[in-house]
Each structure stands twice: as C-alpha cells, then as structure tokens.
C-alpha cells in the first residue's frame, strides 16, 4: 500500500466515524497499542474490536496461516455461533478466506450465493446464513500471514469499497503486530534454546523448575527429573572429530524427543549432559520413561547415513518432587548425584536419588 493510499484510508476511517468522534481516537489507540505491547493476542483483540466498531459486521473472524499444514485456523471468531468455528480449519484455496490467502487479493461480495468460491460448510456448522463478505489478506514483507473476514453488515447495507479500504488499513496494523510478536518469539527462543540440538537450555530449565514446582505445590502434583550423561562421549570426539560429535548430539536429541510426551521438557544441560522434566509424573513413572530412553539409546545406531556405526550408552539419575525434595536446586543436585553413582561404577544404568 502506497503512502497516498494509506493517507486516503486513514481519512476514510476518520470520516466513517465522524458521527461519534471515534475515528482519530481509534487510530491513536491502535498506534499506542502497537508501541506499548508485543502480546499478540492483546494487540489483535484490540485491532479487531476497532474493526468491529467501525464497520459493524454481524460476524467476523481473524484466521492465521499454519504454514506447515497449509491451512487456515480461526485465531479469533466473533458473532452468532462462532464458537463452533474454533475447531475448524480450511485448506489454502478453500472458500473465500482460503482463496484470499492463496492469491493475496482482497474480496468484496454483496451476494455470496453467486460466487462459486464460497464454502457453505461453515454456515452449515454454525447454522448461520452468510449474505455478504469482505475479506482481506494480512500481508507482511510480501508474505500472507492470514486473513480477516467480515460477514453481513449489521446496518443492513452492503459492504462497499470504502469499507474495503478501511479494513485494508486496519489489517496492515494487525500484520505489523503479528510480525512484531513473531520476531519477539524468535528472540526469546534464541535465549532459551540450545543452538546445536534445538532442545531447551539450562537457562530455561531453571525458569521451568520454579514454575513447575509452584504449580505442583498448589495442586498437590508430582513431577520428576531425569539427569543423564553420555558414556565415553569424549572417545567419539577423539576418534571422529568434533563435527561428528556435534551430529551425534543432535541425533541424541531426536532419540530423546521420540520417547517423550508433549508436556515433557527435554533440555541440553551442557556438553553431553541432558535433563528431562516430567510434569505430573511420580518417581515410578519417571523410572519407566528413563528406561525407555535408555533402551532407545542403546539400540540406536548413530550416523548410519554418514557410513558410521556409532553406538552409545548413558548414565541416568532420577529425582522427584515431593518424594526427594521440595527445593529446585536440591532436585538438580540429587538427580545429578544419582547419575554420578552410575557414572563412577557400572555406567549404562539408572539410579534413583536417595
């Protein structure tokens, strides 16, 4: 959008809200929101609220793009029976919203029944009748991030070109908010992720320990910690070099992930040491998870695609809350100490904290 179009759109926003004096105030509120918070849900909620105030749709939604699945999902949906949309998704290219996401072009329809792109399954799911639609893409740096869709004007008038211009300007603000939030998320990920394995790092471990212990105290829950160290890993580096050693560590991380539930938290503690936090898991359950990880490591052949056949074992220590301690530092210390009992004796085994 060029500067002249933006100025025109802003003037249209102000003009459309002159009756209640809200035009300038709305632009000011949106601008202030963008500079005062990077919380994506808060920013999007405020922007969509302003869109609703200005354009008065009966129903409206903001759909974001799931790039991995090439689908749109309802991030925000407001209006009659819109709660039924929250679990629904649509493929890129499906319906008006899907077409807008695919092409990056806006759509203004006064009678959806005459357009073959319209997907009626959403009306069927919500028991709602769509008459008119205005739908615009959320674009940033040439990429479509999602779409905003307004349905049926409450003023019993058709949406018009002026409405489209206003909506396009406001969605530009929303796109800025999404990009800012994603950038912040990437920065935050860099501070809590290990570069090599993409597992969480020790900084994140200590953050989550405090949080998980507080949650477990409040609700009377257990949680476990596994601390383990790869046996004789130095020999891998000495024999094959550090590049191969790094690849082995990355592959170790994948072996660990495959044995964990979604709530479990795998961490590279440092070097060839790893930690796994197991929410809502008692000591017996933690032992079962540890045994699975140990078995998977023992049976895994590392770097087969490199023409190598590296095999590894590990020494494991387990501690749990509240059986062993109700102190975060003690939990790390006890699981580490249990691990060293194995490390200094048999290796390739599991020890429970005493």
Protein backbone atom coordinates (compact mmCIF):
# COMPACT_ATOMS: atom_id res chain seq x y z
CA UNK A 1 0.00 0.00 0.00
CA UNK A 2 1.48 3.40 -1.05
CA UNK A 3 1.62 6.49 1.18
CA UNK A 4 -1.22 8.19 -0.72
CA UNK A 5 -3.48 5.15 -0.25
CA UNK A 6 -2.64 4.99 3.46
CA UNK A 7 -3.45 8.67 3.90
CA UNK A 8 -6.71 8.21 1.98
CA UNK A 9 -7.62 5.16 4.05
CA UNK A 10 -6.89 6.96 7.31
CA UNK A 11 -9.05 9.85 6.17
CA UNK A 12 -11.82 7.38 5.32
CA UNK A 13 -11.54 5.84 8.78
CA UNK A 14 -11.88 9.24 10.38
CA UNK A 15 -14.74 10.22 8.08
CA UNK A 16 -16.64 6.99 8.70
CA UNK A 17 -16.52 7.60 12.43
CA UNK A 18 -17.20 11.32 12.49
CA UNK A 19 -20.67 10.92 13.94
CA UNK A 20 -19.33 9.71 17.26
CA UNK A 21 -15.91 11.32 17.04
CA UNK A 22 -14.13 7.98 17.28
CA UNK A 23 -12.04 7.99 14.09
CA UNK A 24 -8.92 9.78 15.32
CA UNK A 25 -9.22 8.13 18.72
CA UNK A 26 -9.35 4.66 17.15
CA UNK A 27 -6.20 5.28 15.10
CA UNK A 28 -4.48 6.67 18.19
CA UNK A 29 -5.49 3.67 20.29
CA UNK A 30 -4.24 1.20 17.70
CA UNK A 31 -0.94 3.03 17.30
CA UNK A 32 -0.49 3.21 21.07
CA UNK A 33 -1.24 -0.50 21.41
CA UNK A 34 1.37 -1.42 18.81
CA UNK A 35 4.05 0.53 20.67
CA UNK A 36 3.07 -0.48 24.20
CA UNK A 37 2.83 -4.27 24.00
CA UNK A 38 4.11 -7.20 21.96
CA UNK A 39 1.48 -9.55 23.28
CA UNK A 40 -0.06 -10.80 20.06
CA UNK A 41 -3.48 -11.76 21.42
CA UNK A 42 -3.88 -8.39 23.14
CA UNK A 43 -2.94 -6.41 20.02
CA UNK A 44 -5.12 -8.47 17.69
CA UNK A 45 -8.10 -8.30 20.04
CA UNK A 46 -7.88 -4.50 20.19
CA UNK A 47 -7.48 -4.11 16.43
CA UNK A 48 -10.37 -6.46 15.71
CA UNK A 49 -12.50 -4.65 18.26
CA UNK A 50 -11.85 -1.39 16.39
CA UNK A 51 -12.70 -3.03 13.08
CA UNK A 52 -15.98 -4.17 14.60
CA UNK A 53 -16.75 -0.67 15.91
CA UNK A 54 -16.10 0.99 12.57
CA UNK A 55 -17.55 -1.49 10.08
CA UNK A 56 -20.27 -3.14 12.19
CA UNK A 57 -20.20 -6.70 10.82
CA UNK A 58 -22.63 -9.30 12.15
CA UNK A 59 -19.84 -11.91 12.41
CA UNK A 60 -16.13 -11.55 11.91
CA UNK A 61 -13.01 -13.62 12.22
CA UNK A 62 -9.25 -13.48 12.00
CA UNK A 63 -7.66 -16.58 10.51
CA UNK A 64 -3.92 -17.23 10.69
CA UNK A 65 -1.85 -19.41 8.40
CA UNK A 66 -0.43 -22.71 9.62
CA UNK A 67 2.49 -22.86 7.20
CA UNK A 68 3.38 -26.50 7.94
CA UNK A 69 -0.11 -27.83 7.20
CA UNK A 70 -1.01 -25.21 4.54
CA UNK A 71 -4.23 -24.47 6.39
CA UNK A 72 -6.00 -21.52 7.98
CA UNK A 73 -7.22 -21.71 11.56
CA UNK A 74 -9.54 -19.37 13.48
CA UNK A 75 -7.40 -17.31 15.86
CA UNK A 76 -10.37 -15.04 16.67
CA UNK A 77 -14.02 -15.63 15.78
CA UNK A 78 -16.84 -13.39 16.98
CA UNK A 79 -20.57 -13.48 16.35
CA UNK A 80 -23.51 -15.84 16.27
CA UNK A 81 -22.43 -19.48 16.93
CA UNK A 82 -18.84 -18.52 16.14
CA UNK A 83 -17.56 -20.76 18.94
CA UNK A 84 -18.25 -23.70 16.62
CA UNK A 85 -15.64 -22.38 14.20
CA UNK A 86 -12.73 -22.57 16.67
CA UNK A 87 -12.00 -26.24 15.92
CA UNK A 88 -12.48 -25.93 12.16
CA UNK A 89 -9.75 -25.41 9.59
CA UNK A 90 -9.75 -24.74 5.87
CA UNK A 91 -7.19 -25.54 3.23
CA UNK A 92 -5.43 -22.79 1.35
CA UNK A 93 -7.67 -22.11 -1.66
CA UNK A 94 -10.86 -23.33 0.04
CA UNK A 95 -13.71 -20.83 0.37
CA UNK A 96 -13.36 -17.07 0.16
CA UNK A 97 -10.85 -16.89 3.01
CA UNK A 98 -8.75 -19.68 1.50
CA UNK A 99 -8.79 -18.01 -1.91
CA UNK A 100 -7.66 -14.69 -0.38
CA UNK A 101 -4.85 -16.47 1.49
CA UNK A 102 -3.76 -18.24 -1.71
CA UNK A 103 -3.81 -15.20 -4.01
CA UNK A 104 -3.11 -12.35 -1.60
CA UNK A 105 -6.01 -10.42 -3.15
CA UNK A 106 -8.96 -8.87 -1.31
CA UNK A 107 -12.57 -9.87 -1.96
CA UNK A 108 -15.77 -7.82 -1.63
CA UNK A 109 -19.00 -9.76 -2.27
CA UNK A 110 -22.53 -8.47 -1.83
CA UNK A 111 -24.12 -11.86 -2.63
CA UNK A 112 -22.03 -14.93 -1.80
CA UNK A 113 -24.60 -17.26 -3.39
CA UNK A 114 -23.45 -16.06 -6.80
CA UNK A 115 -19.77 -16.83 -6.20
CA UNK A 116 -18.51 -20.41 -6.76
CA UNK A 117 -15.63 -19.86 -4.33
CA UNK A 118 -17.98 -19.66 -1.35
CA UNK A 119 -17.74 -22.67 1.01
CA UNK A 120 -21.12 -23.34 2.63
CA UNK A 121 -19.88 -25.94 5.16
CA UNK A 122 -19.08 -23.21 7.68
CA UNK A 123 -22.64 -21.89 7.54
CA UNK A 124 -23.89 -25.46 7.99
CA UNK A 125 -21.69 -25.94 11.05
CA UNK A 126 -22.85 -22.69 12.68
CA UNK A 127 -26.47 -22.68 11.46
CA UNK A 128 -25.81 -19.21 10.07
CA UNK A 129 -26.61 -17.60 6.73
CA UNK A 130 -23.87 -15.60 5.05
CA UNK A 131 -25.12 -12.96 2.62
CA UNK A 132 -22.15 -10.66 2.07
CA UNK A 133 -18.42 -10.89 2.78
CA UNK A 134 -15.47 -8.58 2.84
CA UNK A 135 -12.17 -10.41 3.20
CA UNK A 136 -8.61 -9.04 3.09
CA UNK A 137 -5.19 -10.65 3.47
CA UNK A 138 -2.82 -9.96 6.35
CA UNK A 139 0.41 -9.27 4.48
CA UNK A 140 3.92 -8.52 5.65
CA UNK A 141 7.09 -8.38 3.56
CA UNK A 142 5.34 -9.99 0.62
CA UNK A 143 4.04 -12.93 2.68
CA UNK A 144 0.42 -13.69 3.58
CA UNK A 145 0.16 -14.32 7.33
CA UNK A 146 -3.61 -14.85 7.40
CA UNK A 147 -6.88 -13.13 6.53
CA UNK A 148 -9.56 -11.00 8.16
CA UNK A 149 -13.14 -11.78 7.15
CA UNK A 150 -16.25 -9.72 7.92
CA UNK A 151 -19.71 -11.17 7.30
CA UNK A 152 -23.10 -9.42 6.89
CA UNK A 153 -23.21 -5.70 7.64
CA UNK A 154 -25.36 -5.00 10.73
CA UNK A 155 -26.54 -1.75 9.14
CA UNK A 156 -28.48 -3.80 6.56
CA UNK A 157 -26.34 -2.26 3.87
CA UNK A 158 -23.88 -3.91 1.52
CA UNK A 159 -20.19 -3.58 2.30
CA UNK A 160 -18.66 -1.08 -0.09
CA UNK A 161 -15.30 -0.03 -1.48
CA UNK A 162 -14.79 2.45 1.32
CA UNK A 163 -15.23 -0.36 3.86
CA UNK A 164 -12.65 -2.39 1.96
CA UNK A 165 -10.14 0.47 2.10
CA UNK A 166 -10.70 0.95 5.83
CA UNK A 167 -10.36 -2.76 6.54
CA UNK A 168 -7.16 -2.98 4.47
CA UNK A 169 -5.57 -0.19 6.51
CA UNK A 170 -6.51 -1.73 9.82
CA UNK A 171 -5.29 -5.16 8.78
CA UNK A 172 -1.96 -3.56 7.90
CA UNK A 173 -1.72 -2.67 11.60
CA UNK A 174 -2.60 -6.25 12.50
CA UNK A 175 0.12 -7.58 10.18
CA UNK A 176 2.67 -5.33 11.89
CA UNK A 177 1.54 -6.70 15.25
CA UNK A 178 1.91 -10.30 14.07
CA UNK A 179 5.39 -9.69 12.68
CA UNK A 180 6.48 -7.91 15.87
CA UNK A 181 5.17 -10.75 18.02
CA UNK A 182 6.82 -13.40 15.85
CA UNK A 183 10.12 -11.51 15.97
CA UNK A 184 9.92 -11.32 19.76
CA UNK A 185 9.12 -15.04 19.90
CA UNK A 186 12.17 -15.82 17.76
CA UNK A 187 14.39 -13.67 20.01
CA UNK A 188 13.01 -15.35 23.11
CA UNK A 189 13.53 -18.78 21.55
CA UNK A 190 17.18 -17.91 20.92
CA UNK A 191 17.71 -17.16 24.62
CA UNK A 192 16.18 -20.43 25.85
CA UNK A 193 17.14 -22.86 23.08
CA UNK A 194 20.37 -24.73 22.57
CA UNK A 195 21.78 -23.83 19.14
CA UNK A 196 23.09 -27.29 18.36
CA UNK A 197 20.21 -29.59 19.36
CA UNK A 198 17.32 -27.06 19.46
CA UNK A 199 16.42 -28.53 22.85
CA UNK A 200 15.82 -26.08 25.69
CA UNK A 201 18.93 -24.91 27.55
CA UNK A 202 19.89 -24.69 31.23
CA UNK A 203 18.51 -21.14 31.50
CA UNK A 204 15.07 -22.46 30.57
CA UNK A 205 15.48 -25.38 32.98
CA UNK A 206 15.76 -23.08 35.99
CA UNK A 207 12.83 -20.96 34.81
CA UNK A 208 10.61 -24.02 34.38
CA UNK A 209 11.73 -25.65 37.63
CA UNK A 210 10.42 -22.72 39.66
CA UNK A 211 7.19 -22.63 37.68
CA UNK A 212 6.59 -26.40 37.80
CA UNK A 213 7.38 -26.66 41.49
CA UNK A 214 4.96 -23.86 42.30
CA UNK A 215 2.24 -25.47 40.18
CA UNK A 216 2.85 -28.88 41.75
CA UNK A 217 2.71 -27.45 45.28
CA UNK A 218 -0.55 -25.65 44.54
CA UNK A 219 -2.34 -28.67 43.07
CA UNK A 220 -0.66 -31.46 45.02
CA UNK A 221 1.09 -32.91 41.96
CA UNK A 222 4.30 -34.88 41.45
CA UNK A 223 6.98 -34.18 38.89
CA UNK A 224 10.19 -35.94 38.04
CA UNK A 225 13.63 -35.03 36.79
CA UNK A 226 15.97 -37.23 34.76
CA UNK A 227 19.63 -36.23 34.63
CA UNK A 228 21.88 -38.20 32.29
CA UNK A 229 25.30 -38.10 30.72
CA UNK A 230 26.52 -39.96 27.64
CA UNK A 231 29.15 -42.59 28.48
CA UNK A 232 32.63 -42.19 26.95
CA UNK A 233 31.43 -39.45 24.62
CA UNK A 234 34.95 -37.99 24.57
CA UNK A 235 36.05 -41.06 22.61
CA UNK A 236 33.62 -40.11 19.81
CA UNK A 237 35.22 -36.67 19.52
CA UNK A 238 38.73 -38.09 19.76
CA UNK A 239 38.13 -40.74 17.09
CA UNK A 240 35.82 -38.94 14.65
CA UNK A 241 36.28 -35.23 15.39
CA UNK A 242 34.05 -32.56 16.87
CA UNK A 243 31.86 -32.15 13.78
CA UNK A 244 30.80 -35.79 14.00
CA UNK A 245 30.45 -35.39 17.77
CA UNK A 246 28.05 -32.48 17.23
CA UNK A 247 25.99 -34.55 14.80
CA UNK A 248 25.78 -37.35 17.36
CA UNK A 249 24.48 -34.89 19.97
CA UNK A 250 21.81 -33.65 17.54
CA UNK A 251 20.75 -37.22 16.84
CA UNK A 252 20.69 -37.95 20.58
CA UNK A 253 18.21 -35.11 20.99
CA UNK A 254 15.92 -36.70 18.39
CA UNK A 255 16.10 -40.08 20.15
CA UNK A 256 15.07 -38.38 23.41
CA UNK A 257 12.16 -36.50 21.80
CA UNK A 258 10.67 -39.68 20.39
CA UNK A 259 10.28 -41.18 23.87
CA UNK A 260 8.57 -38.18 25.49
CA UNK A 261 5.03 -36.90 25.80
CA UNK A 262 4.12 -33.44 24.60
CA UNK A 263 4.20 -31.88 28.13
CA UNK A 264 7.66 -33.29 28.91
CA UNK A 265 10.58 -30.87 28.64
CA UNK A 266 13.91 -32.12 27.18
CA UNK A 267 16.95 -29.95 27.91
CA UNK A 268 20.58 -29.96 26.89
CA UNK A 269 22.21 -29.07 30.17
CA UNK A 270 25.69 -28.66 28.70
CA UNK A 271 28.26 -30.69 26.79
CA UNK A 272 26.92 -34.24 26.63
CA UNK A 273 24.64 -33.84 29.67
CA UNK A 274 20.86 -33.82 29.29
CA UNK A 275 17.91 -33.24 31.60
CA UNK A 276 14.25 -34.15 31.14
CA UNK A 277 11.48 -32.60 33.25
CA UNK A 278 8.40 -34.79 33.60
CA UNK A 279 5.33 -32.84 34.79
CA UNK A 280 2.67 -34.76 36.72
CA UNK A 281 4.92 -37.82 36.94
CA UNK A 282 5.87 -39.62 40.13
CA UNK A 283 9.15 -41.43 40.74
CA UNK A 284 7.86 -44.75 39.44
CA UNK A 285 6.62 -43.11 36.25
CA UNK A 286 9.91 -41.26 35.83
CA UNK A 287 11.77 -44.56 36.06
CA UNK A 288 9.65 -46.03 33.26
CA UNK A 289 10.37 -43.06 30.99
CA UNK A 290 14.08 -43.29 31.80
CA UNK A 291 14.13 -47.00 30.98
CA UNK A 292 12.56 -46.25 27.56
CA UNK A 293 15.15 -43.56 26.79
CA UNK A 294 17.99 -45.87 27.87
CA UNK A 295 16.72 -48.72 25.72
CA UNK A 296 16.32 -46.43 22.69
CA UNK A 297 19.84 -45.03 23.07
CA UNK A 298 21.34 -48.48 23.49
CA UNK A 299 19.64 -49.85 20.37
CA UNK A 300 20.21 -46.79 18.18
CA UNK A 301 22.96 -46.77 15.57
CA UNK A 302 24.20 -43.21 15.15
CA UNK A 303 25.11 -41.59 11.82
CA UNK A 304 24.34 -44.55 9.60
CA UNK A 305 23.86 -42.13 6.69
CA UNK A 306 27.47 -41.00 7.22
CA UNK A 307 28.66 -44.57 6.82
CA UNK A 308 29.37 -44.84 10.54
CA UNK A 309 28.01 -47.21 13.16
CA UNK A 310 28.42 -45.35 16.43
CA UNK A 311 26.72 -46.79 19.48
CA UNK A 312 26.30 -45.06 22.82
CA UNK A 313 25.10 -45.71 26.32
CA UNK A 314 24.31 -43.25 29.10
CA UNK A 315 24.26 -42.99 32.89
CA UNK A 316 20.94 -41.86 34.38
CA UNK A 317 19.88 -40.32 37.68
CA UNK A 318 16.30 -39.67 38.80
CA UNK A 319 14.90 -37.35 41.48
CA UNK A 320 11.33 -36.29 42.07
CA UNK A 321 9.11 -33.76 43.80
CA UNK A 322 7.93 -34.08 46.53
CA UNK A 323 9.37 -37.54 47.32
CA UNK A 324 13.00 -36.43 47.35
CA UNK A 325 12.88 -32.68 47.93
CA UNK A 326 10.71 -29.56 47.63
CA UNK A 327 13.67 -27.37 46.63
CA UNK A 328 14.58 -26.72 42.99
CA UNK A 329 18.34 -26.64 43.47
CA UNK A 330 18.24 -29.82 45.53
CA UNK A 331 16.26 -31.56 42.79
CA UNK A 332 19.04 -30.84 40.27
CA UNK A 333 21.74 -31.78 42.81
CA UNK A 334 20.07 -35.06 43.82
CA UNK A 335 19.42 -36.24 40.26
CA UNK A 336 22.98 -35.27 39.29
CA UNK A 337 24.40 -37.14 42.29
CA UNK A 338 22.36 -40.24 41.43
CA UNK A 339 23.66 -40.08 37.86
CA UNK A 340 27.26 -39.93 39.09
CA UNK A 341 26.76 -43.09 41.14
CA UNK A 342 26.21 -44.90 37.85
CA UNK A 343 28.89 -42.93 36.03
CA UNK A 344 31.55 -43.87 38.58
CA UNK A 345 30.62 -47.55 38.77
CA UNK A 346 28.88 -49.55 36.07
CA UNK A 347 27.82 -46.84 33.58
CA UNK A 348 24.87 -47.63 31.29
CA UNK A 349 22.38 -47.76 34.17
CA UNK A 350 19.75 -45.91 36.21
CA UNK A 351 19.97 -44.74 39.83
CA UNK A 352 17.26 -43.22 42.00
CA UNK A 353 18.00 -40.32 44.32
CA UNK A 354 18.21 -41.31 47.99
